[in-house]
């Protein structure tokens, strides 16, 4: 049992590297919308379908470094907003450190997002 403890701790640290910032799961039907800071411009919208992220509209690319809001719509729940920065086809969520949305969707939630959210 003592030999398994260090292995368990190491595995726990590896899995905790990217926390599930958006919640415990992203079920089918979940929508992600990327809006300008003032919520007037929709830069893109996507829906979780199975294990993929499908675009709902053609993206309107934000400027690199632009502050944006990521709105998360889980089925049957109120929308949640996350402050973020646009970064060349990706979104960096602003938590204690910047976290790539595409990496989070792939590694934590097991989804198959596009390589880039916009060209």
Protein backbone atom coordinates (compact mmCIF):
# COMPACT_ATOMS: atom_id res chain seq x y z
CA UNK A 1 0.00 0.00 0.00
CA UNK A 2 2.81 2.43 0.82
CA UNK A 3 4.36 1.84 -2.59
CA UNK A 4 1.14 2.87 -4.31
CA UNK A 5 0.82 6.16 -2.47
CA UNK A 6 3.63 7.99 -4.36
CA UNK A 7 2.27 6.69 -7.66
CA UNK A 8 -1.23 7.86 -6.74
CA UNK A 9 0.07 11.32 -5.76
CA UNK A 10 2.01 11.65 -9.01
CA UNK A 11 -1.03 10.62 -11.04
CA UNK A 12 -3.20 13.11 -9.13
CA UNK A 13 -0.78 15.96 -9.86
CA UNK A 14 -0.71 15.08 -13.55
CA UNK A 15 -4.49 15.08 -13.80
CA UNK A 16 -4.77 18.31 -11.82
CA UNK A 17 -2.50 20.19 -14.24
CA UNK A 18 -5.52 21.37 -16.22
CA UNK A 19 -8.47 21.79 -13.88
CA UNK A 20 -12.02 21.52 -15.21
CA UNK A 21 -12.57 25.28 -15.18
CA UNK A 22 -15.84 25.03 -17.08
CA UNK A 23 -17.42 22.49 -14.71
CA UNK A 24 -17.30 18.73 -14.23
CA UNK A 25 -18.55 17.86 -17.75
CA UNK A 26 -19.64 19.37 -21.06
CA UNK A 27 -22.63 17.27 -22.17
CA UNK A 28 -23.95 17.25 -25.75
CA UNK A 29 -25.93 20.42 -26.42
CA UNK A 30 -23.53 22.62 -24.45
CA UNK A 31 -22.91 25.88 -26.30
CA UNK A 32 -19.85 28.12 -26.16
CA UNK A 33 -20.11 31.70 -27.40
CA UNK A 34 -17.22 34.12 -27.71
CA UNK A 35 -18.25 37.75 -27.39
CA UNK A 36 -16.54 41.09 -27.17
CA UNK A 37 -15.99 42.54 -23.69
CA UNK A 38 -19.10 44.75 -24.07
CA UNK A 39 -21.14 41.71 -25.28
CA UNK A 40 -22.08 43.49 -28.53
CA UNK A 41 -20.02 41.47 -31.03
CA UNK A 42 -20.36 37.72 -31.44
CA UNK A 43 -16.96 36.39 -32.51
CA UNK A 44 -18.09 32.77 -32.73
CA UNK A 45 -20.48 30.15 -31.42
CA UNK A 46 -19.96 26.39 -31.07
CA UNK A 47 -22.03 23.44 -29.83
CA UNK A 48 -20.84 20.17 -28.29
CA UNK A 49 -22.17 17.32 -30.42
CA UNK A 50 -21.02 13.93 -29.21
CA UNK A 51 -17.30 14.36 -28.66
CA UNK A 52 -16.83 17.16 -31.19
CA UNK A 53 -17.19 20.93 -31.14
CA UNK A 54 -19.25 22.10 -34.13
CA UNK A 55 -19.35 25.76 -35.27
CA UNK A 56 -22.80 27.37 -35.25
CA UNK A 57 -21.79 30.45 -37.20
CA UNK A 58 -18.87 31.68 -39.28
CA UNK A 59 -16.34 33.21 -36.90
CA UNK A 60 -15.60 36.91 -36.76
CA UNK A 61 -11.97 36.83 -35.56
CA UNK A 62 -11.11 39.07 -32.62
CA UNK A 63 -7.77 40.88 -32.57
CA UNK A 64 -4.92 38.95 -30.92
CA UNK A 65 -4.75 40.04 -27.28
CA UNK A 66 -8.29 41.43 -27.31
CA UNK A 67 -10.22 40.96 -24.06
CA UNK A 68 -13.29 38.81 -24.68
CA UNK A 69 -15.99 36.97 -22.73
CA UNK A 70 -16.59 33.24 -23.14
CA UNK A 71 -20.21 32.37 -22.37
CA UNK A 72 -20.93 28.76 -21.47
CA UNK A 73 -24.49 27.46 -21.86
CA UNK A 74 -24.92 24.03 -20.25
CA UNK A 75 -28.31 22.42 -21.03
CA UNK A 76 -30.84 23.33 -18.35
CA UNK A 77 -28.53 25.77 -16.52
CA UNK A 78 -28.00 29.52 -16.47
CA UNK A 79 -25.18 30.78 -18.71
CA UNK A 80 -21.79 31.40 -17.11
CA UNK A 81 -19.26 34.00 -18.28
CA UNK A 82 -15.48 33.62 -18.22
CA UNK A 83 -13.06 36.49 -18.91
CA UNK A 84 -10.53 35.61 -21.59
CA UNK A 85 -8.05 36.88 -24.16
CA UNK A 86 -8.10 36.11 -27.88
CA UNK A 87 -4.89 34.44 -29.05
CA UNK A 88 -4.44 33.57 -32.75
CA UNK A 89 -7.25 31.04 -33.21
CA UNK A 90 -7.54 30.15 -29.53
CA UNK A 91 -8.93 31.65 -26.35
CA UNK A 92 -6.89 32.00 -23.17
CA UNK A 93 -9.08 31.76 -20.09
CA UNK A 94 -7.93 34.06 -17.33
CA UNK A 95 -7.71 32.09 -14.11
CA UNK A 96 -4.68 32.09 -11.81
CA UNK A 97 -2.75 31.50 -15.02
CA UNK A 98 -3.80 31.63 -18.65
CA UNK A 99 -5.34 28.37 -19.86
CA UNK A 100 -5.88 27.50 -23.53
CA UNK A 101 -9.54 26.74 -24.26
CA UNK A 102 -8.64 24.31 -27.06
CA UNK A 103 -6.21 22.43 -24.83
CA UNK A 104 -8.76 22.35 -21.99
CA UNK A 105 -11.50 20.99 -24.26
CA UNK A 106 -9.20 18.30 -25.62
CA UNK A 107 -7.27 17.17 -22.54
CA UNK A 108 -9.79 17.67 -19.73
CA UNK A 109 -13.14 17.16 -21.43
CA UNK A 110 -12.07 14.63 -24.08
CA UNK A 111 -13.58 16.61 -26.96
CA UNK A 112 -12.22 16.91 -30.47
CA UNK A 113 -12.17 20.67 -31.10
CA UNK A 114 -10.97 22.18 -34.38
CA UNK A 115 -7.29 23.03 -34.62
CA UNK A 116 -8.21 26.73 -34.51
CA UNK A 117 -11.46 28.47 -33.58
CA UNK A 118 -10.94 31.02 -36.39
CA UNK A 119 -8.42 31.38 -39.24
